[in-house]
Amino acid sequence: MFYLAQITKIIKKNPFRLTLFLSMSFAFLIVSSNPQQVVELIIQKTDSTKQNPYFHALIDGKENHARISRNLTEIPGVEKVEILPQAEIQAQVQSILTDLKVTIPADMNQLNYNGIKVFLSQGIKDHGQNLIRDYLTRLAGESNITLGNIVNLALPIVPTKFKFFYDYLQYITIALFFVFWFVSFRMIEQPIQKNSYLIEQFQRRKKVSVKTYLSLFGLILGFATLPLLIFLEVQWTLTVAVVCLTLPIFLLRRRYLW
């Protein structure tokens, strides 16, 4: 209780600094508990990820693919329909026939077909996707159309020069929050040291700064780490974060000079 009382005194004298430190401690632990979710949240906020799921369709050249495209755009769940250029059609023919495990004919270039790319709404369920594909099949006729697989772009396409940073984005995010947390600790280090120095001078107590921080550390564990362990499936990085929170103990052991 004595050291909890010291924490209360420090809060009263330095409310902003201690509030910032507690906030950054909680944030550091939460980010470390499941960094993948944090990364996905960051990704969702970037323009590069706002790409809708889509699929390709090959339509027999005898069918009016322009009319089919217009009709398709009128139904809910379809964002837009693009008519593919011949070069991209060629690539999609190879891809679709390969997926279907169909032998690619030698005279494929002579086949008469048109290609479209159908973009679906974000968040559309599998049932809705299947309904759109069924509707497209009825529009063109089952024997006149071949559908490719639906592509869901959950992650952005990252340029090669940035791929290293993207691959390690989870760890970079944790490291960044660690830096913020450590800066917030340095802001409260001096108030803890000053308060502890006065107590050690006038009372028979030793290592007050370390014990005060240990009390603060216990509060952080109780209010953040335990709920995370109980309610979430956390990763090993949380253990690393908890170990990092003990680093101030070694810094506070240094003799403080007024």
Protein backbone atom coordinates (compact mmCIF):
# COMPACT_ATOMS: atom_id res chain seq x y z
CA MET A 1 0.00 0.00 0.00
CA PHE A 2 2.88 2.37 0.77
CA TYR A 3 4.19 2.22 -2.80
CA LEU A 4 0.72 2.47 -4.29
CA ALA A 5 0.36 5.66 -2.24
CA GLN A 6 3.57 6.93 -3.85
CA ILE A 7 2.12 6.25 -7.27
CA THR A 8 -0.94 8.29 -6.30
CA LYS A 9 1.30 11.20 -5.26
CA ILE A 10 3.18 11.06 -8.55
CA ILE A 11 -0.12 11.01 -10.47
CA LYS A 12 -1.29 14.13 -8.64
CA LYS A 13 1.93 15.97 -9.39
CA ASN A 14 2.38 14.68 -12.95
CA PRO A 15 -1.06 13.60 -14.23
CA PHE A 16 -0.27 13.98 -17.93
CA ARG A 17 3.03 12.10 -17.84
CA LEU A 18 1.76 9.16 -15.84
CA THR A 19 -1.48 8.92 -17.85
CA LEU A 20 0.58 8.90 -21.05
CA PHE A 21 2.84 6.17 -19.66
CA LEU A 22 -0.08 3.97 -18.62
CA SER A 23 -1.80 4.49 -21.99
CA MET A 24 1.34 3.60 -23.92
CA SER A 25 1.92 0.55 -21.70
CA PHE A 26 -1.59 -0.75 -22.38
CA ALA A 27 -1.26 0.03 -26.11
CA PHE A 28 2.12 -1.72 -26.30
CA LEU A 29 0.72 -4.84 -24.65
CA ILE A 30 -2.43 -4.89 -26.80
CA VAL A 31 -0.45 -4.48 -30.03
CA SER A 32 2.01 -7.18 -28.93
CA SER A 33 -0.76 -9.60 -27.99
CA ASN A 34 -1.96 -9.94 -31.58
CA PRO A 35 0.08 -7.82 -34.01
CA GLN A 36 -1.51 -9.46 -37.06
CA GLN A 37 -4.88 -7.84 -36.29
CA VAL A 38 -3.20 -4.45 -35.93
CA VAL A 39 -1.42 -4.89 -39.26
CA GLU A 40 -4.69 -5.88 -40.96
CA LEU A 41 -6.33 -2.76 -39.51
CA ILE A 42 -3.51 -0.62 -40.91
CA ILE A 43 -3.81 -2.33 -44.28
CA GLN A 44 -7.57 -1.74 -44.43
CA LYS A 45 -6.97 2.00 -44.01
CA THR A 46 -4.69 2.22 -47.04
CA ASP A 47 -5.95 2.88 -50.53
CA SER A 48 -3.97 -0.05 -51.93
CA THR A 49 -6.23 -2.50 -50.13
CA LYS A 50 -9.53 -1.09 -51.32
CA GLN A 51 -9.66 -3.58 -54.15
CA ASN A 52 -12.87 -5.48 -54.57
CA PRO A 53 -13.03 -9.24 -55.09
CA TYR A 54 -13.36 -10.12 -58.75
CA PHE A 55 -13.52 -12.96 -61.23
CA HIS A 56 -13.01 -13.37 -64.97
CA ALA A 57 -15.49 -14.82 -67.44
CA LEU A 58 -14.99 -16.00 -71.01
CA ILE A 59 -18.06 -15.60 -73.21
CA ASP A 60 -18.66 -17.16 -76.62
CA GLY A 61 -18.11 -14.61 -79.38
CA LYS A 62 -21.63 -15.21 -80.72
CA GLU A 63 -23.11 -13.74 -77.55
CA ASN A 64 -23.55 -10.00 -77.04
CA HIS A 65 -21.03 -9.55 -74.22
CA ALA A 66 -21.64 -5.77 -74.03
CA ARG A 67 -25.35 -6.34 -73.29
CA ILE A 68 -24.49 -9.02 -70.74
CA SER A 69 -22.06 -6.60 -69.03
CA ARG A 70 -24.71 -3.85 -68.83
CA ASN A 71 -27.30 -6.21 -67.36
CA LEU A 72 -24.80 -7.51 -64.84
CA THR A 73 -23.94 -4.04 -63.51
CA GLU A 74 -27.60 -3.45 -62.65
CA ILE A 75 -27.80 -6.14 -59.98
CA PRO A 76 -26.80 -5.57 -56.33
CA GLY A 77 -23.35 -6.77 -55.35
CA VAL A 78 -21.66 -5.91 -58.65
CA GLU A 79 -19.50 -2.79 -58.56
CA LYS A 80 -18.43 -2.70 -62.18
CA VAL A 81 -17.70 -4.88 -65.20
CA GLU A 82 -14.69 -4.39 -67.45
CA ILE A 83 -14.33 -5.77 -70.97
CA LEU A 84 -10.87 -7.30 -71.27
CA PRO A 85 -8.39 -6.46 -74.04
CA GLN A 86 -7.30 -9.35 -76.24
CA ALA A 87 -3.91 -9.77 -74.56
CA GLU A 88 -5.47 -10.17 -71.13
CA ILE A 89 -8.12 -12.52 -72.52
CA GLN A 90 -5.34 -14.76 -73.80
CA ALA A 91 -3.76 -14.91 -70.33
CA GLN A 92 -7.11 -15.61 -68.64
CA VAL A 93 -7.93 -18.40 -71.10
CA GLN A 94 -4.72 -20.15 -70.13
CA SER A 95 -5.35 -19.58 -66.42
CA ILE A 96 -8.99 -20.73 -66.47
CA LEU A 97 -8.32 -23.81 -68.56
CA THR A 98 -5.39 -24.70 -66.32
CA ASP A 99 -7.58 -24.34 -63.19
CA LEU A 100 -10.22 -26.53 -64.81
CA LYS A 101 -7.52 -29.08 -65.74
CA VAL A 102 -8.54 -28.86 -69.38
CA THR A 103 -6.01 -29.46 -72.13
CA ILE A 104 -5.13 -26.17 -73.83
CA PRO A 105 -5.73 -26.50 -77.58
CA ALA A 106 -2.89 -25.66 -79.95
CA ASP A 107 -5.18 -23.37 -82.03
CA MET A 108 -6.42 -21.46 -78.98
CA ASN A 109 -5.67 -18.12 -80.66
CA GLN A 110 -8.31 -18.90 -83.26
CA LEU A 111 -11.10 -19.41 -80.73
CA ASN A 112 -13.91 -16.84 -80.89
CA TYR A 113 -14.57 -15.53 -77.38
CA ASN A 114 -14.77 -12.33 -75.38
CA GLY A 115 -13.59 -11.71 -71.84
CA ILE A 116 -15.00 -9.66 -68.97
CA LYS A 117 -13.76 -8.90 -65.46
CA VAL A 118 -16.52 -8.66 -62.83
CA PHE A 119 -15.77 -6.64 -59.68
CA LEU A 120 -17.94 -7.49 -56.66
CA SER A 121 -18.80 -5.34 -53.67
CA GLN A 122 -16.50 -5.47 -50.65
CA GLY A 123 -17.76 -7.73 -47.90
CA ILE A 124 -20.15 -9.67 -50.13
CA LYS A 125 -20.86 -13.13 -48.73
CA ASP A 126 -20.16 -16.40 -50.52
CA HIS A 127 -23.90 -16.92 -51.09
CA GLY A 128 -24.15 -13.55 -52.83
CA GLN A 129 -21.10 -14.29 -54.95
CA ASN A 130 -22.62 -17.57 -56.10
CA LEU A 131 -25.92 -15.88 -56.97
CA ILE A 132 -24.12 -13.36 -59.20
CA ARG A 133 -22.17 -16.08 -60.95
CA ASP A 134 -25.37 -18.10 -61.48
CA TYR A 135 -27.12 -15.03 -62.89
CA LEU A 136 -24.23 -14.40 -65.28
CA THR A 137 -24.38 -18.03 -66.40
CA ARG A 138 -28.11 -17.70 -67.15
CA LEU A 139 -27.54 -14.45 -69.08
CA ALA A 140 -24.94 -15.96 -71.38
CA GLY A 141 -26.14 -19.55 -71.40
CA GLU A 142 -24.34 -22.29 -69.54
CA SER A 143 -22.73 -23.69 -72.70
CA ASN A 144 -21.49 -20.25 -73.79
CA ILE A 145 -19.54 -19.15 -70.72
CA THR A 146 -16.60 -20.24 -68.59
CA LEU A 147 -16.03 -18.65 -65.18
CA GLY A 148 -12.73 -18.18 -63.40
CA ASN A 149 -12.19 -18.41 -59.65
CA ILE A 150 -13.05 -15.47 -57.41
CA VAL A 151 -9.97 -13.52 -56.33
CA ASN A 152 -10.18 -11.90 -52.89
CA LEU A 153 -7.40 -9.37 -52.41
CA ALA A 154 -7.13 -9.37 -48.62
CA LEU A 155 -3.63 -7.90 -48.79
CA PRO A 156 -2.22 -5.15 -50.96
CA ILE A 157 0.19 -5.75 -53.81
CA VAL A 158 3.46 -4.44 -52.40
CA PRO A 159 6.23 -3.13 -54.69
CA THR A 160 9.36 -5.30 -54.51
CA LYS A 161 11.46 -2.55 -52.96
CA PHE A 162 9.03 -2.31 -50.02
CA LYS A 163 8.39 -6.04 -49.65
CA PHE A 164 10.96 -6.44 -46.86
CA PHE A 165 9.15 -3.84 -44.75
CA TYR A 166 5.77 -5.41 -45.48
CA ASP A 167 6.95 -8.92 -44.56
CA TYR A 168 8.14 -7.64 -41.19
CA LEU A 169 5.37 -5.10 -40.63
CA GLN A 170 4.14 -6.89 -37.48
CA TYR A 171 7.54 -6.58 -35.83
CA ILE A 172 8.08 -3.05 -37.08
CA THR A 173 4.74 -2.06 -35.54
CA ILE A 174 5.65 -3.65 -32.20
CA ALA A 175 9.07 -1.95 -32.26
CA LEU A 176 7.44 1.41 -33.00
CA PHE A 177 5.06 1.08 -30.05
CA PHE A 178 8.00 0.03 -27.86
CA VAL A 179 9.78 3.26 -28.77
CA PHE A 180 6.67 5.30 -27.89
CA TRP A 181 6.35 3.40 -24.61
CA PHE A 182 10.02 3.91 -23.71
CA VAL A 183 9.78 7.65 -24.40
CA SER A 184 6.74 7.82 -22.11
CA PHE A 185 8.72 6.00 -19.40
CA ARG A 186 11.58 8.49 -19.65
CA MET A 187 9.02 11.21 -19.00
CA ILE A 188 8.01 9.68 -15.66
CA GLU A 189 11.46 8.43 -14.66
CA GLN A 190 12.55 11.71 -13.09
CA PRO A 191 9.36 12.21 -11.00
CA ILE A 192 9.70 8.64 -9.64
CA GLN A 193 13.38 9.17 -8.88
CA LYS A 194 12.79 12.50 -7.16
CA ASN A 195 9.98 11.16 -5.00
CA SER A 196 12.02 8.09 -4.10
CA TYR A 197 15.13 10.14 -3.28
CA LEU A 198 13.22 12.22 -0.71
CA ILE A 199 11.76 9.13 0.95
CA GLU A 200 15.16 7.43 1.15
CA GLN A 201 16.67 10.54 2.72
CA PHE A 202 14.11 10.89 5.49
CA GLN A 203 12.86 7.32 6.00
CA ARG A 204 14.63 4.01 6.48
CA ARG A 205 13.76 2.63 3.07
CA LYS A 206 15.93 1.48 0.19
CA LYS A 207 15.38 1.09 -3.54
CA VAL A 208 12.11 2.99 -3.32
CA SER A 209 12.12 3.86 -7.03
CA VAL A 210 12.39 0.20 -8.03
CA LYS A 211 9.66 -0.89 -5.63
CA THR A 212 7.42 1.96 -6.74
CA TYR A 213 7.81 0.90 -10.35
CA LEU A 214 7.19 -2.75 -9.44
CA SER A 215 3.86 -1.68 -7.93
CA LEU A 216 3.06 0.21 -11.12
CA PHE A 217 4.16 -2.81 -13.15
CA GLY A 218 1.79 -5.01 -11.15
CA LEU A 219 -1.11 -2.66 -11.87
CA ILE A 220 -0.34 -2.75 -15.60
CA LEU A 221 -0.20 -6.55 -15.61
CA GLY A 222 -3.44 -6.82 -13.66
CA PHE A 223 -5.44 -4.41 -15.79
CA ALA A 224 -4.03 -5.30 -19.23
CA THR A 225 -2.16 -8.58 -19.49
CA LEU A 226 -4.49 -10.84 -17.53
CA PRO A 227 -7.65 -9.81 -19.46
CA LEU A 228 -5.74 -10.34 -22.73
CA LEU A 229 -4.73 -13.84 -21.66
CA ILE A 230 -8.26 -14.69 -20.56
CA PHE A 231 -10.28 -13.31 -23.48
CA LEU A 232 -7.92 -13.38 -26.47
CA GLU A 233 -5.72 -15.89 -28.24
CA VAL A 234 -2.44 -14.04 -27.81
CA GLN A 235 0.89 -14.60 -29.53
CA TRP A 236 4.36 -15.14 -28.08
CA THR A 237 5.17 -11.50 -28.74
CA LEU A 238 3.11 -10.59 -25.66
CA THR A 239 5.67 -12.38 -23.47
CA VAL A 240 8.42 -10.33 -25.10
CA ALA A 241 6.45 -7.15 -24.42
CA VAL A 242 6.01 -8.05 -20.73
CA VAL A 243 9.76 -8.64 -20.46
CA CYS A 244 10.36 -5.23 -22.05
CA LEU A 245 8.18 -3.62 -19.39
CA THR A 246 10.66 -4.83 -16.76
CA LEU A 247 13.56 -2.89 -18.30
CA PRO A 248 12.89 0.26 -16.21
CA ILE A 249 13.71 -1.75 -13.09
CA PHE A 250 17.37 -1.82 -14.14
CA LEU A 251 17.35 1.86 -15.09
CA LEU A 252 15.80 2.91 -11.78
CA ARG A 253 18.49 1.06 -9.80
CA ARG A 254 20.98 3.79 -10.72
CA ARG A 255 21.78 6.21 -7.95
CA TYR A 256 19.80 9.40 -8.38
CA LEU A 257 21.54 12.76 -7.93
CA TRP A 258 19.32 15.74 -7.12
